[in-house]
Amino acid sequence: MLEKELENLGLDDKEAQVYLSLLEVGEANIAKISKKSGVKRTTVYNAIETLKEKGLVSSTVKKQSTLYLAEDPRKLEQELNEKMLSLKSILPELLSISNFIDKKPKIKFYEGLGGLKDVYMDTLNYPDQELLAWISEKYIESFDEKFLYDYYVPERVKRKIWVRALAPDDPRIIRFKEEDEKSLRRTRLIPSEKFPFSVEVNLYGKNKIGVIAFEEKIGLIIESEKIYSTLKSIFEINWLWAEDKQINLK
């Protein structure tokens, strides 16, 4: 029982056995320690050296023989206190490093049609918020429109997630734009020939970016306040530049 407790305090099993034996017998040579602890002599030598480094064993020479003795067990408490003081002194710096790591972008990667749906589904976790989107017409050719129109959009409306969308002036997007009002959406058109959108990008949740590459069947969810805020600023510039029905390129 005591051996396990000493191991919890940082000693290995052989060190614990040797230290307990020395506490019981007092001063002893290697042979006596080995006999008492049941640890091989060569291993006792190694354990003694590491225990000396930890300040738990000292040695003396009597009649040309080296004897070893255990230091006061309260040394263990002292050592723990010293470690606690050291930890407290560096803890603020450790926490600052941890906070820095937490601020690094978190990226999740998705593949296949099901993966793309997962990217969409994540946006539904933020009801009563606004979603900003750059829409690509590629969804018409390479995605499940039934999922979008029969499930996703009604569920988004149900959760009161409003959308502002920038979309290409592709004739196939007309249906998309005509349903803006009932879909809680405002869409402004961008000339697709000059500014093609190969992927869809959604900004939501105040720190998330969903990227959907329909043709490649690849999706990303990036979680980063800084990337989100930068892309939001770019979106707002685009939004102001784009008019509801046409673009003034002058």
C-alpha atoms as a PDB file:
ATOM      1  CA  MET A   1       0.000   0.000   0.000  1.00  0.00           C
ATOM      2  CA  LEU A   2       2.759   2.427   0.972  1.00  0.00           C
ATOM      3  CA  GLU A   3       4.719   1.512  -2.145  1.00  0.00           C
ATOM      4  CA  LYS A   4       1.802   2.509  -4.373  1.00  0.00           C
ATOM      5  CA  GLU A   5       1.395   5.802  -2.543  1.00  0.00           C
ATOM      6  CA  LEU A   6       5.099   6.543  -2.968  1.00  0.00           C
ATOM      7  CA  GLU A   7       4.806   5.723  -6.660  1.00  0.00           C
ATOM      8  CA  ASN A   8       1.974   8.255  -6.865  1.00  0.00           C
ATOM      9  CA  LEU A   9       4.395  10.780  -5.397  1.00  0.00           C
ATOM     10  CA  GLY A  10       6.906  10.227  -8.176  1.00  0.00           C
ATOM     11  CA  LEU A  11       9.029   7.236  -7.141  1.00  0.00           C
ATOM     12  CA  ASP A  12       9.223   4.153  -9.299  1.00  0.00           C
ATOM     13  CA  ASP A  13       8.528   0.737  -7.782  1.00  0.00           C
ATOM     14  CA  LYS A  14      12.186  -0.104  -7.031  1.00  0.00           C
ATOM     15  CA  GLU A  15      12.871   3.298  -5.500  1.00  0.00           C
ATOM     16  CA  ALA A  16       9.810   2.914  -3.289  1.00  0.00           C
ATOM     17  CA  GLN A  17      10.927  -0.540  -2.104  1.00  0.00           C
ATOM     18  CA  VAL A  18      14.468   0.626  -1.340  1.00  0.00           C
ATOM     19  CA  TYR A  19      13.305   3.770   0.472  1.00  0.00           C
ATOM     20  CA  LEU A  20      10.835   1.856   2.663  1.00  0.00           C
ATOM     21  CA  SER A  21      13.498  -0.721   3.509  1.00  0.00           C
ATOM     22  CA  LEU A  22      15.906   2.005   4.573  1.00  0.00           C
ATOM     23  CA  LEU A  23      13.254   3.623   6.746  1.00  0.00           C
ATOM     24  CA  GLU A  24      12.827   0.289   8.546  1.00  0.00           C
ATOM     25  CA  VAL A  25      16.458  -0.780   8.983  1.00  0.00           C
ATOM     26  CA  GLY A  26      18.135   2.602   9.389  1.00  0.00           C
ATOM     27  CA  GLU A  27      21.752   2.616   8.157  1.00  0.00           C
ATOM     28  CA  ALA A  28      22.527  -0.264   5.823  1.00  0.00           C
ATOM     29  CA  ASN A  29      24.896  -1.355   3.102  1.00  0.00           C
ATOM     30  CA  ILE A  30      23.858  -2.451  -0.372  1.00  0.00           C
ATOM     31  CA  ALA A  31      23.743  -6.134   0.550  1.00  0.00           C
ATOM     32  CA  LYS A  32      21.442  -5.563   3.522  1.00  0.00           C
ATOM     33  CA  ILE A  33      19.185  -3.228   1.527  1.00  0.00           C
ATOM     34  CA  SER A  34      18.927  -5.801  -1.278  1.00  0.00           C
ATOM     35  CA  LYS A  35      18.013  -8.566   1.178  1.00  0.00           C
ATOM     36  CA  LYS A  36      15.429  -6.434   2.969  1.00  0.00           C
ATOM     37  CA  SER A  37      13.782  -4.984  -0.124  1.00  0.00           C
ATOM     38  CA  GLY A  38      14.038  -8.041  -2.370  1.00  0.00           C
ATOM     39  CA  VAL A  39      15.581  -5.875  -5.066  1.00  0.00           C
ATOM     40  CA  LYS A  40      18.680  -7.079  -6.944  1.00  0.00           C
ATOM     41  CA  ARG A  41      21.925  -5.453  -5.856  1.00  0.00           C
ATOM     42  CA  THR A  42      22.624  -3.869  -9.240  1.00  0.00           C
ATOM     43  CA  THR A  43      19.142  -2.372  -9.236  1.00  0.00           C
ATOM     44  CA  VAL A  44      19.609  -1.176  -5.633  1.00  0.00           C
ATOM     45  CA  TYR A  45      22.639   0.839  -6.745  1.00  0.00           C
ATOM     46  CA  ASN A  46      20.607   2.607  -9.428  1.00  0.00           C
ATOM     47  CA  ALA A  47      17.685   3.233  -7.063  1.00  0.00           C
ATOM     48  CA  ILE A  48      20.017   4.630  -4.403  1.00  0.00           C
ATOM     49  CA  GLU A  49      21.527   7.088  -6.877  1.00  0.00           C
ATOM     50  CA  THR A  50      18.157   8.432  -8.025  1.00  0.00           C
ATOM     51  CA  LEU A  51      16.907   8.626  -4.416  1.00  0.00           C
ATOM     52  CA  LYS A  52      20.004  10.619  -3.500  1.00  0.00           C
ATOM     53  CA  GLU A  53      19.278  12.995  -6.370  1.00  0.00           C
ATOM     54  CA  LYS A  54      15.779  13.442  -4.969  1.00  0.00           C
ATOM     55  CA  GLY A  55      17.175  14.165  -1.516  1.00  0.00           C
ATOM     56  CA  LEU A  56      15.581  11.095   0.043  1.00  0.00           C
ATOM     57  CA  VAL A  57      18.744   9.085   0.774  1.00  0.00           C
ATOM     58  CA  SER A  58      22.154  10.085   2.103  1.00  0.00           C
ATOM     59  CA  SER A  59      25.318   8.070   2.701  1.00  0.00           C
ATOM     60  CA  THR A  60      28.110   7.815   5.225  1.00  0.00           C
ATOM     61  CA  VAL A  61      31.329   5.836   5.490  1.00  0.00           C
ATOM     62  CA  LYS A  62      32.054   3.713   8.555  1.00  0.00           C
ATOM     63  CA  LYS A  63      34.989   1.340   8.846  1.00  0.00           C
ATOM     64  CA  GLN A  64      35.684   1.679   5.135  1.00  0.00           C
ATOM     65  CA  SER A  65      32.118   0.602   4.304  1.00  0.00           C
ATOM     66  CA  THR A  66      29.535   2.843   2.670  1.00  0.00           C
ATOM     67  CA  LEU A  67      26.233   2.892   4.489  1.00  0.00           C
ATOM     68  CA  TYR A  68      23.000   4.465   3.340  1.00  0.00           C
ATOM     69  CA  LEU A  69      20.126   5.933   5.313  1.00  0.00           C
ATOM     70  CA  ALA A  70      16.719   7.303   4.482  1.00  0.00           C
ATOM     71  CA  GLU A  71      16.088  10.990   4.921  1.00  0.00           C
ATOM     72  CA  ASP A  72      13.100  12.287   6.873  1.00  0.00           C
ATOM     73  CA  PRO A  73       9.870  11.427   4.969  1.00  0.00           C
ATOM     74  CA  ARG A  74       8.837  15.054   5.417  1.00  0.00           C
ATOM     75  CA  LYS A  75      11.319  15.743   2.642  1.00  0.00           C
ATOM     76  CA  LEU A  76       8.642  14.398   0.300  1.00  0.00           C
ATOM     77  CA  GLU A  77       6.248  17.070   1.513  1.00  0.00           C
ATOM     78  CA  GLN A  78       8.924  19.714   1.150  1.00  0.00           C
ATOM     79  CA  GLU A  79       9.667  18.609  -2.392  1.00  0.00           C
ATOM     80  CA  LEU A  80       5.977  18.700  -3.306  1.00  0.00           C
ATOM     81  CA  ASN A  81       5.653  22.196  -1.846  1.00  0.00           C
ATOM     82  CA  GLU A  82       8.631  23.346  -3.895  1.00  0.00           C
ATOM     83  CA  LYS A  83       7.068  21.882  -7.024  1.00  0.00           C
ATOM     84  CA  MET A  84       3.791  23.640  -6.240  1.00  0.00           C
ATOM     85  CA  LEU A  85       5.600  26.960  -5.857  1.00  0.00           C
ATOM     86  CA  SER A  86       7.367  26.390  -9.165  1.00  0.00           C
ATOM     87  CA  LEU A  87       4.076  25.535 -10.843  1.00  0.00           C
ATOM     88  CA  LYS A  88       2.375  28.641  -9.454  1.00  0.00           C
ATOM     89  CA  SER A  89       5.203  30.817 -10.710  1.00  0.00           C
ATOM     90  CA  ILE A  90       4.918  29.564 -14.301  1.00  0.00           C
ATOM     91  CA  LEU A  91       1.155  28.927 -14.391  1.00  0.00           C
ATOM     92  CA  PRO A  92       0.229  32.373 -15.814  1.00  0.00           C
ATOM     93  CA  GLU A  93       2.653  31.863 -18.699  1.00  0.00           C
ATOM     94  CA  LEU A  94       1.358  28.334 -19.317  1.00  0.00           C
ATOM     95  CA  LEU A  95      -2.217  29.642 -19.398  1.00  0.00           C
ATOM     96  CA  SER A  96      -1.265  32.386 -21.831  1.00  0.00           C
ATOM     97  CA  ILE A  97       0.216  29.756 -24.146  1.00  0.00           C
ATOM     98  CA  SER A  98      -2.945  27.686 -23.778  1.00  0.00           C
ATOM     99  CA  ASN A  99      -5.126  30.702 -24.601  1.00  0.00           C
ATOM    100  CA  PHE A 100      -3.036  31.343 -27.682  1.00  0.00           C
ATOM    101  CA  ILE A 101      -3.559  27.757 -28.833  1.00  0.00           C
ATOM    102  CA  ASP A 102      -7.305  28.077 -28.251  1.00  0.00           C
ATOM    103  CA  LYS A 103      -7.355  31.029 -30.657  1.00  0.00           C
ATOM    104  CA  LYS A 104      -5.856  29.022 -33.506  1.00  0.00           C
ATOM    105  CA  PRO A 105      -8.371  28.213 -36.235  1.00  0.00           C
ATOM    106  CA  LYS A 106     -10.153  24.882 -35.833  1.00  0.00           C
ATOM    107  CA  ILE A 107     -10.755  23.130 -39.134  1.00  0.00           C
ATOM    108  CA  LYS A 108     -12.999  20.155 -39.862  1.00  0.00           C
ATOM    109  CA  PHE A 109     -12.842  18.388 -43.204  1.00  0.00           C
ATOM    110  CA  TYR A 110     -15.795  16.645 -44.874  1.00  0.00           C
ATOM    111  CA  GLU A 111     -16.064  14.458 -47.964  1.00  0.00           C
ATOM    112  CA  GLY A 112     -18.858  13.132 -50.135  1.00  0.00           C
ATOM    113  CA  LEU A 113     -22.459  14.207 -50.532  1.00  0.00           C
ATOM    114  CA  GLY A 114     -23.211  13.351 -46.913  1.00  0.00           C
ATOM    115  CA  GLY A 115     -20.269  15.460 -45.789  1.00  0.00           C
ATOM    116  CA  LEU A 116     -21.552  18.484 -47.704  1.00  0.00           C
ATOM    117  CA  LYS A 117     -24.929  18.062 -46.029  1.00  0.00           C
ATOM    118  CA  ASP A 118     -23.164  18.018 -42.656  1.00  0.00           C
ATOM    119  CA  VAL A 119     -21.658  21.432 -43.440  1.00  0.00           C
ATOM    120  CA  TYR A 120     -25.135  22.785 -44.161  1.00  0.00           C
ATOM    121  CA  MET A 121     -26.601  21.129 -41.072  1.00  0.00           C
ATOM    122  CA  ASP A 122     -24.087  22.860 -38.822  1.00  0.00           C
ATOM    123  CA  THR A 123     -25.494  26.249 -39.787  1.00  0.00           C
ATOM    124  CA  LEU A 124     -28.844  25.212 -38.291  1.00  0.00           C
ATOM    125  CA  ASN A 125     -27.290  25.131 -34.826  1.00  0.00           C
ATOM    126  CA  TYR A 126     -27.466  28.939 -34.634  1.00  0.00           C
ATOM    127  CA  PRO A 127     -31.150  29.979 -34.645  1.00  0.00           C
ATOM    128  CA  ASP A 128     -32.255  33.611 -34.681  1.00  0.00           C
ATOM    129  CA  GLN A 129     -28.993  34.678 -36.277  1.00  0.00           C
ATOM    130  CA  GLU A 130     -27.998  35.954 -39.699  1.00  0.00           C
ATOM    131  CA  LEU A 131     -26.131  33.853 -42.232  1.00  0.00           C
ATOM    132  CA  LEU A 132     -24.070  35.490 -44.971  1.00  0.00           C
ATOM    133  CA  ALA A 133     -23.433  33.501 -48.124  1.00  0.00           C
ATOM    134  CA  TRP A 134     -21.594  33.568 -51.402  1.00  0.00           C
ATOM    135  CA  ILE A 135     -23.685  31.199 -53.530  1.00  0.00           C
ATOM    136  CA  SER A 136     -22.329  29.098 -56.394  1.00  0.00           C
ATOM    137  CA  GLU A 137     -24.559  27.834 -59.202  1.00  0.00           C
ATOM    138  CA  LYS A 138     -22.596  24.569 -59.066  1.00  0.00           C
ATOM    139  CA  TYR A 139     -25.066  23.246 -56.502  1.00  0.00           C
ATOM    140  CA  ILE A 140     -27.638  22.913 -59.294  1.00  0.00           C
ATOM    141  CA  GLU A 141     -25.497  20.396 -61.157  1.00  0.00           C
ATOM    142  CA  SER A 142     -23.636  18.665 -58.372  1.00  0.00           C
ATOM    143  CA  PHE A 143     -25.770  18.649 -55.234  1.00  0.00           C
ATOM    144  CA  ASP A 144     -29.041  17.354 -53.856  1.00  0.00           C
ATOM    145  CA  GLU A 145     -31.569  20.118 -54.583  1.00  0.00           C
ATOM    146  CA  LYS A 146     -34.294  18.109 -52.872  1.00  0.00           C
ATOM    147  CA  PHE A 147     -32.312  18.258 -49.623  1.00  0.00           C
ATOM    148  CA  LEU A 148     -31.864  22.021 -50.019  1.00  0.00           C
ATOM    149  CA  TYR A 149     -35.414  22.993 -50.939  1.00  0.00           C
ATOM    150  CA  ASP A 150     -37.460  20.336 -49.144  1.00  0.00           C
ATOM    151  CA  TYR A 151     -35.504  20.081 -45.902  1.00  0.00           C
ATOM    152  CA  TYR A 152     -32.716  22.584 -45.333  1.00  0.00           C
ATOM    153  CA  VAL A 153     -34.445  25.835 -46.337  1.00  0.00           C
ATOM    154  CA  PRO A 154     -37.725  25.040 -44.483  1.00  0.00           C
ATOM    155  CA  GLU A 155     -35.740  24.049 -41.394  1.00  0.00           C
ATOM    156  CA  ARG A 156     -33.680  27.230 -41.597  1.00  0.00           C
ATOM    157  CA  VAL A 157     -36.856  29.308 -41.869  1.00  0.00           C
ATOM    158  CA  LYS A 158     -38.342  27.432 -38.941  1.00  0.00           C
ATOM    159  CA  ARG A 159     -35.305  28.380 -36.868  1.00  0.00           C
ATOM    160  CA  LYS A 160     -35.533  32.007 -38.009  1.00  0.00           C
ATOM    161  CA  ILE A 161     -32.095  32.102 -39.577  1.00  0.00           C
ATOM    162  CA  TRP A 162     -32.065  35.020 -41.997  1.00  0.00           C
ATOM    163  CA  VAL A 163     -29.800  35.004 -45.033  1.00  0.00           C
ATOM    164  CA  ARG A 164     -28.130  37.647 -47.110  1.00  0.00           C
ATOM    165  CA  ALA A 165     -26.764  36.028 -50.255  1.00  0.00           C
ATOM    166  CA  LEU A 166     -24.542  37.108 -53.102  1.00  0.00           C
ATOM    167  CA  ALA A 167     -25.227  34.880 -56.112  1.00  0.00           C
ATOM    168  CA  PRO A 168     -24.226  34.721 -59.792  1.00  0.00           C
ATOM    169  CA  ASP A 169     -26.616  36.208 -62.341  1.00  0.00           C
ATOM    170  CA  ASP A 170     -27.081  32.767 -63.860  1.00  0.00           C
ATOM    171  CA  PRO A 171     -30.603  32.234 -65.306  1.00  0.00           C
ATOM    172  CA  ARG A 172     -30.918  29.123 -63.150  1.00  0.00           C
ATOM    173  CA  ILE A 173     -30.650  31.268 -60.024  1.00  0.00           C
ATOM    174  CA  ILE A 174     -33.876  33.127 -60.904  1.00  0.00           C
ATOM    175  CA  ARG A 175     -35.977  30.535 -59.093  1.00  0.00           C
ATOM    176  CA  PHE A 176     -33.670  30.880 -56.123  1.00  0.00           C
ATOM    177  CA  LYS A 177     -34.106  34.657 -55.977  1.00  0.00           C
ATOM    178  CA  GLU A 178     -37.849  34.612 -56.602  1.00  0.00           C
ATOM    179  CA  GLU A 179     -38.329  32.699 -53.367  1.00  0.00           C
ATOM    180  CA  ASP A 180     -36.362  35.180 -51.249  1.00  0.00           C
ATOM    181  CA  GLU A 181     -39.257  36.523 -49.224  1.00  0.00           C
ATOM    182  CA  LYS A 182     -40.688  33.203 -48.063  1.00  0.00           C
ATOM    183  CA  SER A 183     -37.175  31.862 -47.540  1.00  0.00           C
ATOM    184  CA  LEU A 184     -36.141  34.672 -45.149  1.00  0.00           C
ATOM    185  CA  ARG A 185     -33.488  35.693 -47.645  1.00  0.00           C
ATOM    186  CA  ARG A 186     -32.252  38.704 -49.576  1.00  0.00           C
ATOM    187  CA  THR A 187     -30.220  37.978 -52.689  1.00  0.00           C
ATOM    188  CA  ARG A 188     -28.075  40.327 -54.705  1.00  0.00           C
ATOM    189  CA  LEU A 189     -26.667  39.261 -58.072  1.00  0.00           C
ATOM    190  CA  ILE A 190     -23.069  39.293 -59.229  1.00  0.00           C
ATOM    191  CA  PRO A 191     -22.001  39.057 -62.915  1.00  0.00           C
ATOM    192  CA  SER A 192     -20.870  35.440 -63.133  1.00  0.00           C
ATOM    193  CA  GLU A 193     -18.699  35.923 -66.214  1.00  0.00           C
ATOM    194  CA  LYS A 194     -16.478  38.465 -64.488  1.00  0.00           C
ATOM    195  CA  PHE A 195     -16.697  37.102 -60.947  1.00  0.00           C
ATOM    196  CA  PRO A 196     -17.364  33.349 -60.996  1.00  0.00           C
ATOM    197  CA  PHE A 197     -17.995  31.570 -57.694  1.00  0.00           C
ATOM    198  CA  SER A 198     -16.576  28.064 -57.862  1.00  0.00           C
ATOM    199  CA  VAL A 199     -17.473  27.236 -54.256  1.00  0.00           C
ATOM    200  CA  GLU A 200     -20.097  28.311 -51.750  1.00  0.00           C
ATOM    201  CA  VAL A 201     -19.015  30.111 -48.586  1.00  0.00           C
ATOM    202  CA  ASN A 202     -21.292  30.581 -45.570  1.00  0.00           C
ATOM    203  CA  LEU A 203     -20.518  32.852 -42.612  1.00  0.00           C
ATOM    204  CA  TYR A 204     -22.501  32.052 -39.461  1.00  0.00           C
ATOM    205  CA  GLY A 205     -22.408  31.588 -35.713  1.00  0.00           C
ATOM    206  CA  LYS A 206     -20.253  34.727 -35.359  1.00  0.00           C
ATOM    207  CA  ASN A 207     -17.054  32.683 -35.771  1.00  0.00           C
ATOM    208  CA  LYS A 208     -17.703  29.937 -38.327  1.00  0.00           C
ATOM    209  CA  ILE A 209     -17.015  29.628 -42.045  1.00  0.00           C
ATOM    210  CA  GLY A 210     -18.546  26.802 -44.049  1.00  0.00           C
ATOM    211  CA  VAL A 211     -16.899  26.137 -47.412  1.00  0.00           C
ATOM    212  CA  ILE A 212     -18.566  23.806 -49.928  1.00  0.00           C
ATOM    213  CA  ALA A 213     -16.900  22.660 -53.148  1.00  0.00           C
ATOM    214  CA  PHE A 214     -19.780  20.926 -54.932  1.00  0.00           C
ATOM    215  CA  GLU A 215     -17.882  19.442 -57.869  1.00  0.00           C
ATOM    216  CA  GLU A 216     -15.108  18.011 -55.699  1.00  0.00           C
ATOM    217  CA  LYS A 217     -17.581  16.916 -52.988  1.00  0.00           C
ATOM    218  CA  ILE A 218     -15.384  18.525 -50.349  1.00  0.00           C
ATOM    219  CA  GLY A 219     -16.496  20.650 -47.407  1.00  0.00           C
ATOM    220  CA  LEU A 220     -14.746  22.579 -44.641  1.00  0.00           C
ATOM    221  CA  ILE A 221     -15.904  24.148 -41.408  1.00  0.00           C
ATOM    222  CA  ILE A 222     -13.420  26.689 -40.095  1.00  0.00           C
ATOM    223  CA  GLU A 223     -13.856  28.102 -36.610  1.00  0.00           C
ATOM    224  CA  SER A 224     -11.997  31.387 -36.159  1.00  0.00           C
ATOM    225  CA  GLU A 225     -13.198  34.794 -35.022  1.00  0.00           C
ATOM    226  CA  LYS A 226     -10.486  36.615 -36.973  1.00  0.00           C
ATOM    227  CA  ILE A 227     -11.061  34.805 -40.255  1.00  0.00           C
ATOM    228  CA  TYR A 228     -14.816  35.206 -39.795  1.00  0.00           C
ATOM    229  CA  SER A 229     -14.618  38.953 -39.099  1.00  0.00           C
ATOM    230  CA  THR A 230     -12.308  39.532 -42.082  1.00  0.00           C
ATOM    231  CA  LEU A 231     -14.548  37.615 -44.482  1.00  0.00           C
ATOM    232  CA  LYS A 232     -17.596  39.380 -43.065  1.00  0.00           C
ATOM    233  CA  SER A 233     -15.998  42.747 -43.866  1.00  0.00           C
ATOM    234  CA  ILE A 234     -15.312  41.560 -47.414  1.00  0.00           C
ATOM    235  CA  PHE A 235     -18.905  40.362 -47.707  1.00  0.00           C
ATOM    236  CA  GLU A 236     -20.271  43.719 -46.524  1.00  0.00           C
ATOM    237  CA  ILE A 237     -18.156  45.514 -49.122  1.00  0.00           C
ATOM    238  CA  ASN A 238     -19.517  43.173 -51.807  1.00  0.00           C
ATOM    239  CA  TRP A 239     -23.041  43.650 -50.509  1.00  0.00           C
ATOM    240  CA  LEU A 240     -22.861  47.432 -50.693  1.00  0.00           C
ATOM    241  CA  TRP A 241     -21.358  47.233 -54.162  1.00  0.00           C
ATOM    242  CA  ALA A 242     -24.024  44.894 -55.485  1.00  0.00           C
ATOM    243  CA  GLU A 243     -27.542  46.163 -56.189  1.00  0.00           C
ATOM    244  CA  ASP A 244     -30.638  44.002 -56.051  1.00  0.00           C
ATOM    245  CA  LYS A 245     -31.086  43.636 -59.808  1.00  0.00           C
ATOM    246  CA  GLN A 246     -27.876  44.752 -61.492  1.00  0.00           C
ATOM    247  CA  ILE A 247     -24.292  45.730 -60.821  1.00  0.00           C
ATOM    248  CA  ASN A 248     -22.928  49.198 -61.369  1.00  0.00           C
ATOM    249  CA  LEU A 249     -19.380  48.505 -62.487  1.00  0.00           C
ATOM    250  CA  LYS A 250     -18.349  52.127 -62.821  1.00  0.00           C
END
